Protein backbone atom coordinates (compact mmCIF):
# COMPACT_ATOMS: atom_id res chain seq x y z
CA UNK A 1 0.01 0.01 0.01
CA UNK A 2 2.79 2.40 0.73
CA UNK A 3 4.02 1.99 -2.86
CA UNK A 4 0.68 3.10 -4.25
CA UNK A 5 0.69 6.32 -2.29
CA UNK A 6 4.16 7.20 -3.55
CA UNK A 7 3.05 6.54 -7.12
CA UNK A 8 -0.09 8.60 -6.62
CA UNK A 9 1.91 11.52 -5.20
CA UNK A 10 4.38 11.32 -8.07
CA UNK A 11 1.56 11.27 -10.62
CA UNK A 12 -0.10 14.23 -8.91
CA UNK A 13 3.12 16.20 -8.90
CA UNK A 14 3.71 15.36 -12.59
CA UNK A 15 0.18 16.44 -13.48
CA UNK A 16 0.65 19.70 -11.55
CA UNK A 17 3.87 20.46 -13.41
CA UNK A 18 2.24 19.55 -16.73
CA UNK A 19 -0.68 21.94 -16.09
CA UNK A 20 1.79 24.71 -15.17
CA UNK A 21 3.69 24.24 -18.42
CA UNK A 22 0.40 24.21 -20.39
CA UNK A 23 -0.58 27.43 -18.70
CA UNK A 24 2.69 29.10 -19.64
CA UNK A 25 2.32 27.94 -23.23
CA UNK A 26 -1.26 29.23 -23.39
CA UNK A 27 -0.23 32.61 -21.97
CA UNK A 28 2.59 32.99 -24.47
CA UNK A 29 0.17 32.17 -27.32
CA UNK A 30 -2.33 34.66 -25.91
CA UNK A 31 0.31 37.37 -25.72
CA UNK A 32 1.50 36.66 -29.29
CA UNK A 33 -2.08 36.88 -30.57
CA UNK A 34 -2.64 40.13 -28.70
CA UNK A 35 0.55 41.66 -30.14
CA UNK A 36 -0.41 40.51 -33.67
CA UNK A 37 -3.92 41.97 -33.29
CA UNK A 38 -2.54 45.29 -32.02
CA UNK A 39 -0.05 45.47 -34.90
CA UNK A 40 -2.74 44.71 -37.46
CA UNK A 41 -5.09 47.31 -35.94
CA UNK A 42 -2.40 50.00 -36.03
CA UNK A 43 -1.56 49.16 -39.65
CA UNK A 44 -5.24 49.30 -40.68
CA UNK A 45 -5.76 52.57 -38.81
CA UNK A 46 -2.79 54.15 -40.53
CA UNK A 47 -4.10 52.97 -43.91
CA UNK A 48 -7.58 54.36 -43.13
CA UNK A 49 -6.20 57.71 -42.04
CA UNK A 50 -4.04 57.92 -45.14
CA UNK A 51 -7.02 57.07 -47.37
CA UNK A 52 -9.22 59.68 -45.64
CA UNK A 53 -6.51 62.34 -45.98
CA UNK A 54 -6.15 61.55 -49.67
CA UNK A 55 -9.90 61.78 -50.20
CA UNK A 56 -10.04 65.08 -48.35
CA UNK A 57 -7.19 66.45 -50.45
CA UNK A 58 -8.91 65.32 -53.64
CA UNK A 59 -12.16 66.94 -52.64
CA UNK A 60 -10.43 70.23 -51.87
CA UNK A 61 -8.68 70.21 -55.24
CA UNK A 62 -11.94 69.93 -57.21
CA UNK A 63 -13.29 73.21 -58.52
CA UNK A 64 -16.15 74.65 -56.52
CA UNK A 65 -18.03 75.67 -59.72
CA UNK A 66 -19.34 72.19 -60.22
CA UNK A 67 -22.71 71.91 -58.64
CA UNK A 68 -25.39 69.37 -59.12
CA UNK A 69 -28.80 70.39 -60.16
CA UNK A 70 -31.35 69.77 -57.40
CA UNK A 71 -33.15 66.52 -57.83
CA UNK A 72 -36.71 66.81 -58.96
CA UNK A 73 -39.17 65.66 -56.38
CA UNK A 74 -42.01 63.42 -57.44
CA UNK A 75 -45.40 64.74 -56.58
CA UNK A 76 -47.64 62.43 -54.65
CA UNK A 77 -50.90 62.18 -56.50
CA UNK A 78 -54.33 61.39 -55.14
CA UNK A 79 -54.57 58.62 -57.73
CA UNK A 80 -51.79 56.58 -56.07
CA UNK A 81 -53.26 57.08 -52.59
CA UNK A 82 -56.74 56.09 -53.68
CA UNK A 83 -55.27 53.06 -55.44
CA UNK A 84 -53.50 52.12 -52.23
CA UNK A 85 -56.73 52.42 -50.25
CA UNK A 86 -58.51 50.23 -52.77
CA UNK A 87 -55.78 47.64 -52.52
CA UNK A 88 -56.00 47.67 -48.73
CA UNK A 89 -59.76 47.12 -48.80
CA UNK A 90 -59.44 44.36 -51.41
CA UNK A 91 -56.83 42.55 -49.34
CA UNK A 92 -59.25 42.23 -46.44
CA UNK A 93 -58.06 45.10 -44.30
CA UNK A 94 -60.63 47.38 -42.83
CA UNK A 95 -59.96 50.52 -40.88
């Protein structure tokens, strides 16, 4: 019986060391992922800011004389509203 307890303690100690090593490995992977994400984010932010600055510069270089004509608004007619009411009544809705 004494031999079993020594084996059990040795196995427990081995498992404890194994978990500690796994924890260290997981933390190093986590840190590497975090660094990679931060680097990627900084790179994308710099690219976005450069793109926005280029767009702003392009807009400021365009002549101000170009203006679009105002869009013509469609007039709502009574015919379309009455048609809509008829469709509502024909579909079974009553109000």
